[in-house]
C-alpha atoms as a PDB file:
ATOM      1  CA  MET A   1     170.710 -14.147  94.004  1.00  0.00           C
ATOM      2  CA  ARG A   2     170.643 -10.438  94.672  1.00  0.00           C
ATOM      3  CA  PRO A   3     169.837  -8.255  91.660  1.00  0.00           C
ATOM      4  CA  GLU A   4     173.147  -6.314  91.978  1.00  0.00           C
ATOM      5  CA  LEU A   5     175.142  -9.542  91.652  1.00  0.00           C
ATOM      6  CA  ALA A   6     173.210 -10.921  88.711  1.00  0.00           C
ATOM      7  CA  SER A   7     174.002 -10.655  85.020  1.00  0.00           C
ATOM      8  CA  PRO A   8     172.955  -7.516  83.088  1.00  0.00           C
ATOM      9  CA  THR A   9     170.054  -9.418  81.530  1.00  0.00           C
ATOM     10  CA  ALA A  10     168.849 -10.598  84.937  1.00  0.00           C
ATOM     11  CA  ARG A  11     169.103  -7.054  86.328  1.00  0.00           C
ATOM     12  CA  ARG A  12     167.058  -5.653  83.455  1.00  0.00           C
ATOM     13  CA  THR A  13     164.466  -8.397  83.855  1.00  0.00           C
ATOM     14  CA  TRP A  14     164.260  -7.736  87.587  1.00  0.00           C
ATOM     15  CA  ALA A  15     163.854  -3.998  87.000  1.00  0.00           C
ATOM     16  CA  MET A  16     161.069  -4.610  84.477  1.00  0.00           C
ATOM     17  CA  THR A  17     159.373  -7.095  86.814  1.00  0.00           C
ATOM     18  CA  ARG A  18     159.567  -4.730  89.767  1.00  0.00           C
ATOM     19  CA  HIS A  19     158.153  -1.860  87.714  1.00  0.00           C
ATOM     20  CA  THR A  20     155.255  -4.027  86.505  1.00  0.00           C
ATOM     21  CA  LEU A  21     154.551  -5.233  90.023  1.00  0.00           C
ATOM     22  CA  VAL A  22     154.408  -1.657  91.298  1.00  0.00           C
ATOM     23  CA  LEU A  23     151.882  -0.748  88.597  1.00  0.00           C
ATOM     24  CA  LEU A  24     149.663  -3.707  89.479  1.00  0.00           C
ATOM     25  CA  VAL A  25     149.816  -3.013  93.217  1.00  0.00           C
ATOM     26  CA  ARG A  26     148.969   0.654  92.739  1.00  0.00           C
ATOM     27  CA  ASP A  27     145.824  -0.125  90.778  1.00  0.00           C
ATOM     28  CA  PRO A  28     144.395  -3.471  92.000  1.00  0.00           C
ATOM     29  CA  GLY A  29     140.766  -2.547  91.362  1.00  0.00           C
ATOM     30  CA  THR A  30     140.103  -4.542  88.194  1.00  0.00           C
ATOM     31  CA  PRO A  31     141.739  -7.838  89.280  1.00  0.00           C
ATOM     32  CA  LEU A  32     140.099  -7.566  92.700  1.00  0.00           C
ATOM     33  CA  ALA A  33     136.708  -6.916  91.118  1.00  0.00           C
ATOM     34  CA  TYR A  34     137.039  -9.923  88.816  1.00  0.00           C
ATOM     35  CA  THR A  35     137.996 -12.135  91.743  1.00  0.00           C
ATOM     36  CA  VAL A  36     134.998 -11.057  93.820  1.00  0.00           C
ATOM     37  CA  MET A  37     132.664 -11.354  90.825  1.00  0.00           C
ATOM     38  CA  SER A  38     133.844 -14.904  90.193  1.00  0.00           C
ATOM     39  CA  LEU A  39     132.971 -15.919  93.758  1.00  0.00           C
ATOM     40  CA  VAL A  40     129.546 -14.317  93.473  1.00  0.00           C
ATOM     41  CA  LEU A  41     128.810 -15.967  90.123  1.00  0.00           C
ATOM     42  CA  LEU A  42     129.901 -19.381  91.394  1.00  0.00           C
ATOM     43  CA  SER A  43     127.607 -19.033  94.406  1.00  0.00           C
ATOM     44  CA  VAL A  44     124.648 -18.055  92.236  1.00  0.00           C
ATOM     45  CA  LEU A  45     125.136 -20.612  89.450  1.00  0.00           C
ATOM     46  CA  HIS A  46     126.156 -23.590  91.568  1.00  0.00           C
ATOM     47  CA  PRO A  47     122.575 -24.948  91.903  1.00  0.00           C
ATOM     48  CA  VAL A  48     122.160 -24.707  88.118  1.00  0.00           C
ATOM     49  CA  TYR A  49     125.323 -26.713  87.495  1.00  0.00           C
ATOM     50  CA  GLU A  50     124.183 -29.319  90.006  1.00  0.00           C
ATOM     51  CA  ARG A  51     121.033 -29.857  87.940  1.00  0.00           C
ATOM     52  CA  LEU A  52     122.954 -30.028  84.655  1.00  0.00           C
ATOM     53  CA  ALA A  53     125.814 -32.204  85.911  1.00  0.00           C
ATOM     54  CA  THR A  54     126.408 -35.737  84.699  1.00  0.00           C
ATOM     55  CA  PRO A  55     124.997 -38.230  87.227  1.00  0.00           C
ATOM     56  CA  GLY A  56     127.658 -39.096  89.765  1.00  0.00           C
ATOM     57  CA  THR A  57     129.727 -35.961  89.064  1.00  0.00           C
ATOM     58  CA  PRO A  58     129.372 -32.911  91.346  1.00  0.00           C
ATOM     59  CA  GLY A  59     128.271 -29.811  89.500  1.00  0.00           C
ATOM     60  CA  VAL A  60     131.096 -27.822  91.069  1.00  0.00           C
ATOM     61  CA  VAL A  61     133.582 -29.831  88.964  1.00  0.00           C
ATOM     62  CA  GLN A  62     132.159 -28.027  85.926  1.00  0.00           C
ATOM     63  CA  ALA A  63     131.277 -24.750  87.617  1.00  0.00           C
ATOM     64  CA  ALA A  64     134.533 -23.856  89.392  1.00  0.00           C
ATOM     65  CA  PRO A  65     136.915 -24.468  86.451  1.00  0.00           C
ATOM     66  CA  GLY A  66     134.528 -22.816  84.002  1.00  0.00           C
ATOM     67  CA  ILE A  67     134.196 -19.657  86.048  1.00  0.00           C
ATOM     68  CA  ALA A  68     137.942 -19.606  86.775  1.00  0.00           C
ATOM     69  CA  VAL A  69     138.663 -19.728  83.053  1.00  0.00           C
ATOM     70  CA  MET A  70     136.007 -17.114  82.317  1.00  0.00           C
ATOM     71  CA  PHE A  71     137.308 -14.492  84.712  1.00  0.00           C
ATOM     72  CA  THR A  72     140.953 -14.960  83.820  1.00  0.00           C
ATOM     73  CA  LEU A  73     139.934 -14.395  80.200  1.00  0.00           C
ATOM     74  CA  LEU A  74     138.070 -11.245  81.184  1.00  0.00           C
ATOM     75  CA  ALA A  75     141.334 -10.013  82.695  1.00  0.00           C
ATOM     76  CA  LEU A  76     143.049 -10.075  79.303  1.00  0.00           C
ATOM     77  CA  ASP A  77     142.801  -6.296  79.208  1.00  0.00           C
ATOM     78  CA  VAL A  78     144.824  -6.074  82.422  1.00  0.00           C
ATOM     79  CA  ALA A  79     147.745  -7.736  80.644  1.00  0.00           C
ATOM     80  CA  GLY A  80     147.294  -5.760  77.455  1.00  0.00           C
ATOM     81  CA  GLN A  81     147.103  -2.489  79.339  1.00  0.00           C
ATOM     82  CA  LEU A  82     150.626  -2.889  80.687  1.00  0.00           C
ATOM     83  CA  LEU A  83     152.079  -2.684  77.174  1.00  0.00           C
ATOM     84  CA  LEU A  84     149.558  -0.210  75.810  1.00  0.00           C
ATOM     85  CA  SER A  85     150.365   2.150  78.689  1.00  0.00           C
ATOM     86  CA  GLU A  86     153.939   2.386  77.416  1.00  0.00           C
ATOM     87  CA  ARG A  87     152.558   4.078  74.299  1.00  0.00           C
ATOM     88  CA  THR A  88     150.258   6.304  76.314  1.00  0.00           C
ATOM     89  CA  TRP A  89     153.192   7.449  78.430  1.00  0.00           C
ATOM     90  CA  HIS A  90     155.365   7.861  75.287  1.00  0.00           C
ATOM     91  CA  THR A  91     157.956   5.443  76.663  1.00  0.00           C
ATOM     92  CA  TRP A  92     157.414   2.636  74.153  1.00  0.00           C
ATOM     93  CA  ASP A  93     160.069   3.698  71.636  1.00  0.00           C
ATOM     94  CA  ARG A  94     162.541   4.354  74.427  1.00  0.00           C
ATOM     95  CA  LEU A  95     161.849   0.902  75.866  1.00  0.00           C
ATOM     96  CA  ARG A  96     162.342  -0.816  72.510  1.00  0.00           C
ATOM     97  CA  SER A  97     165.527   1.086  71.686  1.00  0.00           C
ATOM     98  CA  GLY A  98     167.112   0.414  75.078  1.00  0.00           C
ATOM     99  CA  PRO A  99     169.376  -2.479  76.005  1.00  0.00           C
ATOM    100  CA  ALA A 100     166.473  -4.711  77.076  1.00  0.00           C
ATOM    101  CA  THR A 101     165.695  -7.440  74.551  1.00  0.00           C
ATOM    102  CA  PRO A 102     162.107  -8.380  73.593  1.00  0.00           C
ATOM    103  CA  THR A 103     162.507 -11.481  75.759  1.00  0.00           C
ATOM    104  CA  THR A 104     163.509  -9.345  78.734  1.00  0.00           C
ATOM    105  CA  ILE A 105     160.587  -6.968  78.213  1.00  0.00           C
ATOM    106  CA  LEU A 106     158.050  -9.762  77.896  1.00  0.00           C
ATOM    107  CA  THR A 107     159.464 -11.694  80.846  1.00  0.00           C
ATOM    108  CA  GLY A 108     159.414  -8.627  83.082  1.00  0.00           C
ATOM    109  CA  LYS A 109     155.812  -7.905  82.144  1.00  0.00           C
ATOM    110  CA  ALA A 110     154.671 -11.536  82.244  1.00  0.00           C
ATOM    111  CA  LEU A 111     155.942 -12.740  85.617  1.00  0.00           C
ATOM    112  CA  PRO A 112     153.795 -10.460  87.838  1.00  0.00           C
ATOM    113  CA  LEU A 113     150.775 -10.995  85.570  1.00  0.00           C
ATOM    114  CA  ALA A 114     151.086 -14.775  85.702  1.00  0.00           C
ATOM    115  CA  ALA A 115     151.350 -14.579  89.496  1.00  0.00           C
ATOM    116  CA  LEU A 116     148.240 -12.385  89.574  1.00  0.00           C
ATOM    117  CA  PHE A 117     146.182 -14.772  87.430  1.00  0.00           C
ATOM    118  CA  LEU A 118     147.431 -17.757  89.412  1.00  0.00           C
ATOM    119  CA  THR A 119     146.344 -16.089  92.642  1.00  0.00           C
ATOM    120  CA  GLN A 120     142.955 -15.280  91.143  1.00  0.00           C
ATOM    121  CA  GLN A 121     142.405 -18.942  90.278  1.00  0.00           C
ATOM    122  CA  ALA A 122     143.673 -20.127  93.655  1.00  0.00           C
ATOM    123  CA  VAL A 123     141.176 -17.937  95.517  1.00  0.00           C
ATOM    124  CA  LEU A 124     138.287 -19.304  93.470  1.00  0.00           C
ATOM    125  CA  PHE A 125     139.290 -22.956  93.824  1.00  0.00           C
ATOM    126  CA  LEU A 126     139.865 -22.615  97.565  1.00  0.00           C
ATOM    127  CA  PHE A 127     136.471 -20.938  97.930  1.00  0.00           C
ATOM    128  CA  ALA A 128     134.822 -23.668  95.846  1.00  0.00           C
ATOM    129  CA  THR A 129     136.489 -26.313  98.001  1.00  0.00           C
ATOM    130  CA  ALA A 130     135.492 -24.759 101.310  1.00  0.00           C
ATOM    131  CA  VAL A 131     131.913 -23.893 100.380  1.00  0.00           C
ATOM    132  CA  PHE A 132     130.820 -26.347  97.681  1.00  0.00           C
ATOM    133  CA  GLY A 133     133.091 -29.335  98.158  1.00  0.00           C
ATOM    134  CA  PHE A 134     135.257 -28.988  95.056  1.00  0.00           C
ATOM    135  CA  PRO A 135     137.642 -32.021  95.072  1.00  0.00           C
ATOM    136  CA  LEU A 136     140.820 -29.955  95.305  1.00  0.00           C
ATOM    137  CA  ALA A 137     142.900 -32.757  96.817  1.00  0.00           C
ATOM    138  CA  ALA A 138     142.062 -35.034  93.885  1.00  0.00           C
ATOM    139  CA  GLY A 139     143.921 -32.650  91.606  1.00  0.00           C
ATOM    140  CA  THR A 140     147.250 -33.355  93.390  1.00  0.00           C
ATOM    141  CA  TRP A 141     150.085 -31.748  91.357  1.00  0.00           C
ATOM    142  CA  ARG A 142     148.040 -31.672  88.163  1.00  0.00           C
ATOM    143  CA  LEU A 143     145.688 -28.864  89.206  1.00  0.00           C
ATOM    144  CA  PRO A 144     148.332 -26.294  90.256  1.00  0.00           C
ATOM    145  CA  LEU A 145     150.434 -27.102  87.188  1.00  0.00           C
ATOM    146  CA  LEU A 146     147.510 -26.503  84.858  1.00  0.00           C
ATOM    147  CA  ALA A 147     146.568 -23.332  86.740  1.00  0.00           C
ATOM    148  CA  LEU A 148     150.131 -22.076  86.184  1.00  0.00           C
ATOM    149  CA  LEU A 149     150.035 -22.992  82.487  1.00  0.00           C
ATOM    150  CA  TRP A 150     146.680 -21.294  82.042  1.00  0.00           C
ATOM    151  CA  ALA A 151     147.910 -18.168  83.849  1.00  0.00           C
ATOM    152  CA  ALA A 152     150.889 -18.086  81.474  1.00  0.00           C
ATOM    153  CA  CYS A 153     148.580 -18.600  78.486  1.00  0.00           C
ATOM    154  CA  VAL A 154     146.257 -15.741  79.417  1.00  0.00           C
ATOM    155  CA  THR A 155     149.250 -13.530  80.164  1.00  0.00           C
ATOM    156  CA  SER A 156     150.856 -14.221  76.784  1.00  0.00           C
ATOM    157  CA  CYS A 157     147.596 -13.658  74.906  1.00  0.00           C
ATOM    158  CA  GLY A 158     146.982 -10.416  76.788  1.00  0.00           C
ATOM    159  CA  LEU A 159     150.488  -9.168  75.997  1.00  0.00           C
ATOM    160  CA  ALA A 160     149.957 -10.054  72.335  1.00  0.00           C
ATOM    161  CA  LEU A 161     146.818  -7.914  72.357  1.00  0.00           C
ATOM    162  CA  GLY A 162     148.601  -5.080  74.111  1.00  0.00           C
ATOM    163  CA  VAL A 163     151.510  -5.001  71.708  1.00  0.00           C
ATOM    164  CA  HIS A 164     149.158  -4.790  68.708  1.00  0.00           C
ATOM    165  CA  ALA A 165     146.445  -2.486  70.097  1.00  0.00           C
ATOM    166  CA  ARG A 166     146.769   1.186  69.195  1.00  0.00           C
ATOM    167  CA  SER A 167     144.185   2.630  71.570  1.00  0.00           C
ATOM    168  CA  GLN A 168     142.221   1.897  74.715  1.00  0.00           C
ATOM    169  CA  GLY A 169     139.124   1.322  72.592  1.00  0.00           C
ATOM    170  CA  GLN A 170     140.829  -1.274  70.417  1.00  0.00           C
ATOM    171  CA  LEU A 171     142.179  -3.119  73.418  1.00  0.00           C
ATOM    172  CA  ALA A 172     138.850  -3.063  75.266  1.00  0.00           C
ATOM    173  CA  ALA A 173     136.920  -4.259  72.224  1.00  0.00           C
ATOM    174  CA  ALA A 174     139.350  -7.045  71.389  1.00  0.00           C
ATOM    175  CA  SER A 175     139.721  -8.302  74.963  1.00  0.00           C
ATOM    176  CA  ASP A 176     136.051  -8.065  75.957  1.00  0.00           C
ATOM    177  CA  ILE A 177     134.622  -9.529  72.749  1.00  0.00           C
ATOM    178  CA  GLY A 178     137.329 -12.170  72.625  1.00  0.00           C
ATOM    179  CA  ALA A 179     136.866 -13.183  76.256  1.00  0.00           C
ATOM    180  CA  LEU A 180     133.081 -13.384  75.995  1.00  0.00           C
ATOM    181  CA  THR A 181     133.203 -15.324  72.729  1.00  0.00           C
ATOM    182  CA  ILE A 182     135.723 -17.841  74.033  1.00  0.00           C
ATOM    183  CA  THR A 183     133.800 -18.231  77.284  1.00  0.00           C
ATOM    184  CA  CYS A 184     130.540 -18.984  75.484  1.00  0.00           C
ATOM    185  CA  LEU A 185     131.988 -21.241  72.787  1.00  0.00           C
ATOM    186  CA  SER A 186     134.213 -23.231  75.140  1.00  0.00           C
ATOM    187  CA  GLY A 187     131.429 -24.309  77.490  1.00  0.00           C
ATOM    188  CA  CYS A 188     132.848 -22.426  80.455  1.00  0.00           C
ATOM    189  CA  LEU A 189     129.683 -20.520  81.298  1.00  0.00           C
ATOM    190  CA  VAL A 190     127.117 -23.093  80.130  1.00  0.00           C
ATOM    191  CA  PRO A 191     127.941 -26.804  79.625  1.00  0.00           C
ATOM    192  CA  LEU A 192     128.326 -27.821  75.992  1.00  0.00           C
ATOM    193  CA  THR A 193     125.739 -30.546  76.461  1.00  0.00           C
ATOM    194  CA  VAL A 194     122.926 -27.997  76.628  1.00  0.00           C
ATOM    195  CA  LEU A 195     124.218 -25.723  73.859  1.00  0.00           C
ATOM    196  CA  PRO A 196     123.545 -26.077  70.112  1.00  0.00           C
ATOM    197  CA  HIS A 197     125.468 -28.883  68.437  1.00  0.00           C
ATOM    198  CA  TRP A 198     127.586 -26.522  66.335  1.00  0.00           C
ATOM    199  CA  VAL A 199     129.058 -24.999  69.501  1.00  0.00           C
ATOM    200  CA  SER A 200     130.551 -28.380  70.447  1.00  0.00           C
ATOM    201  CA  THR A 201     132.071 -28.561  66.977  1.00  0.00           C
ATOM    202  CA  VAL A 202     133.901 -25.229  67.219  1.00  0.00           C
ATOM    203  CA  ALA A 203     134.722 -25.412  70.954  1.00  0.00           C
ATOM    204  CA  PRO A 204     138.116 -27.156  70.493  1.00  0.00           C
ATOM    205  CA  ALA A 205     139.271 -24.133  68.473  1.00  0.00           C
ATOM    206  CA  THR A 206     139.206 -22.018  71.650  1.00  0.00           C
ATOM    207  CA  PRO A 207     141.886 -22.036  74.379  1.00  0.00           C
ATOM    208  CA  GLY A 208     139.186 -21.882  77.042  1.00  0.00           C
ATOM    209  CA  TYR A 209     137.904 -25.295  75.982  1.00  0.00           C
ATOM    210  CA  TRP A 210     141.280 -26.914  76.620  1.00  0.00           C
ATOM    211  CA  ALA A 211     141.695 -25.152  79.938  1.00  0.00           C
ATOM    212  CA  LEU A 212     138.275 -26.369  81.063  1.00  0.00           C
ATOM    213  CA  GLN A 213     138.955 -29.916  79.883  1.00  0.00           C
ATOM    214  CA  GLY A 214     142.325 -29.874  81.590  1.00  0.00           C
ATOM    215  CA  PHE A 215     140.988 -28.694  84.929  1.00  0.00           C
ATOM    216  CA  GLN A 216     138.265 -31.311  84.870  1.00  0.00           C
ATOM    217  CA  ALA A 217     140.724 -34.039  83.859  1.00  0.00           C
ATOM    218  CA  ALA A 218     143.032 -32.970  86.693  1.00  0.00           C
ATOM    219  CA  VAL A 219     140.438 -33.742  89.363  1.00  0.00           C
ATOM    220  CA  THR A 220     138.770 -36.725  87.657  1.00  0.00           C
ATOM    221  CA  GLY A 221     142.075 -38.465  86.944  1.00  0.00           C
ATOM    222  CA  ASP A 222     142.022 -38.678  83.140  1.00  0.00           C
ATOM    223  CA  PRO A 223     145.737 -38.646  82.195  1.00  0.00           C
ATOM    224  CA  HIS A 224     145.189 -38.643  78.403  1.00  0.00           C
ATOM    225  CA  ALA A 225     142.811 -35.672  78.429  1.00  0.00           C
ATOM    226  CA  TYR A 226     145.066 -33.846  80.871  1.00  0.00           C
ATOM    227  CA  ALA A 227     148.195 -34.350  78.782  1.00  0.00           C
ATOM    228  CA  HIS A 228     146.388 -33.285  75.612  1.00  0.00           C
ATOM    229  CA  SER A 229     145.042 -30.137  77.263  1.00  0.00           C
ATOM    230  CA  THR A 230     148.382 -29.082  78.742  1.00  0.00           C
ATOM    231  CA  ALA A 231     150.114 -29.596  75.382  1.00  0.00           C
ATOM    232  CA  VAL A 232     147.586 -27.410  73.543  1.00  0.00           C
ATOM    233  CA  ILE A 233     147.724 -24.657  76.180  1.00  0.00           C
ATOM    234  CA  ALA A 234     151.530 -24.674  76.125  1.00  0.00           C
ATOM    235  CA  ALA A 235     151.505 -24.398  72.324  1.00  0.00           C
ATOM    236  CA  ILE A 236     149.101 -21.434  72.419  1.00  0.00           C
ATOM    237  CA  THR A 237     151.275 -19.731  75.037  1.00  0.00           C
ATOM    238  CA  ALA A 238     154.442 -20.175  72.997  1.00  0.00           C
ATOM    239  CA  THR A 239     152.759 -18.918  69.824  1.00  0.00           C
ATOM    240  CA  ALA A 240     151.406 -15.790  71.532  1.00  0.00           C
ATOM    241  CA  LEU A 241     154.814 -14.988  73.027  1.00  0.00           C
ATOM    242  CA  LEU A 242     156.516 -15.402  69.655  1.00  0.00           C
ATOM    243  CA  VAL A 243     153.966 -13.087  68.056  1.00  0.00           C
ATOM    244  CA  SER A 244     154.546 -10.488  70.767  1.00  0.00           C
ATOM    245  CA  ALA A 245     158.341 -10.714  70.504  1.00  0.00           C
ATOM    246  CA  HIS A 246     158.177 -10.337  66.719  1.00  0.00           C
ATOM    247  CA  ARG A 247     155.967  -7.278  67.025  1.00  0.00           C
ATOM    248  CA  ILE A 248     158.258  -5.650  69.579  1.00  0.00           C
ATOM    249  CA  ARG A 249     161.230  -5.995  67.213  1.00  0.00           C
ATOM    250  CA  ARG A 250     159.401  -4.148  64.426  1.00  0.00           C
END
């Protein structure tokens, strides 16, 4: 459907989406850097994961999902920046007082971001498959679905940060500290089996843990773990979007 023939809500959403896409295309440095860094880190750490892997399980099954989760989390500030920039440009109040609803604003911001994070994950998994033998085909439909859910989750969390942050420093501190903490506590960077016992206890409280478990379950064929992980990630996504929509209305 062409934008000019769509409903007013669809036209506003399309305009917001197009504007967000233009902003991302004009400044691709950070997402591109994170993507390249993820490939480098996977190449360097792959031998370590092979040594730490459970017998009979390739180390790349832990390494690729863990690093994919880590670098999408590090990109939280990319999502937050899109809303924080509206304040910097003094267009935030105008945006909120216009005809676009909070749902329209969030949808227009979220769609290009989710596509960006999905692409970032796809590049890493394809690289891991081609170079290190990651069992991509074993994931069938489960792997791309979880990658989409995780992209939506990171997008919604990043937007929630952006709508609450009042300055670049606040956003950077919250996103960087949050991403690093979740990465470490979820077992994405180092397997939980070699970390202190208390880390395994708190790991399920982090979204990264469920993303990692879901990716691994997708390729190992564990339907219960996969369903549990997708349900938790979907719940986190919905909660973050509700928080963002509530904040926009205020």
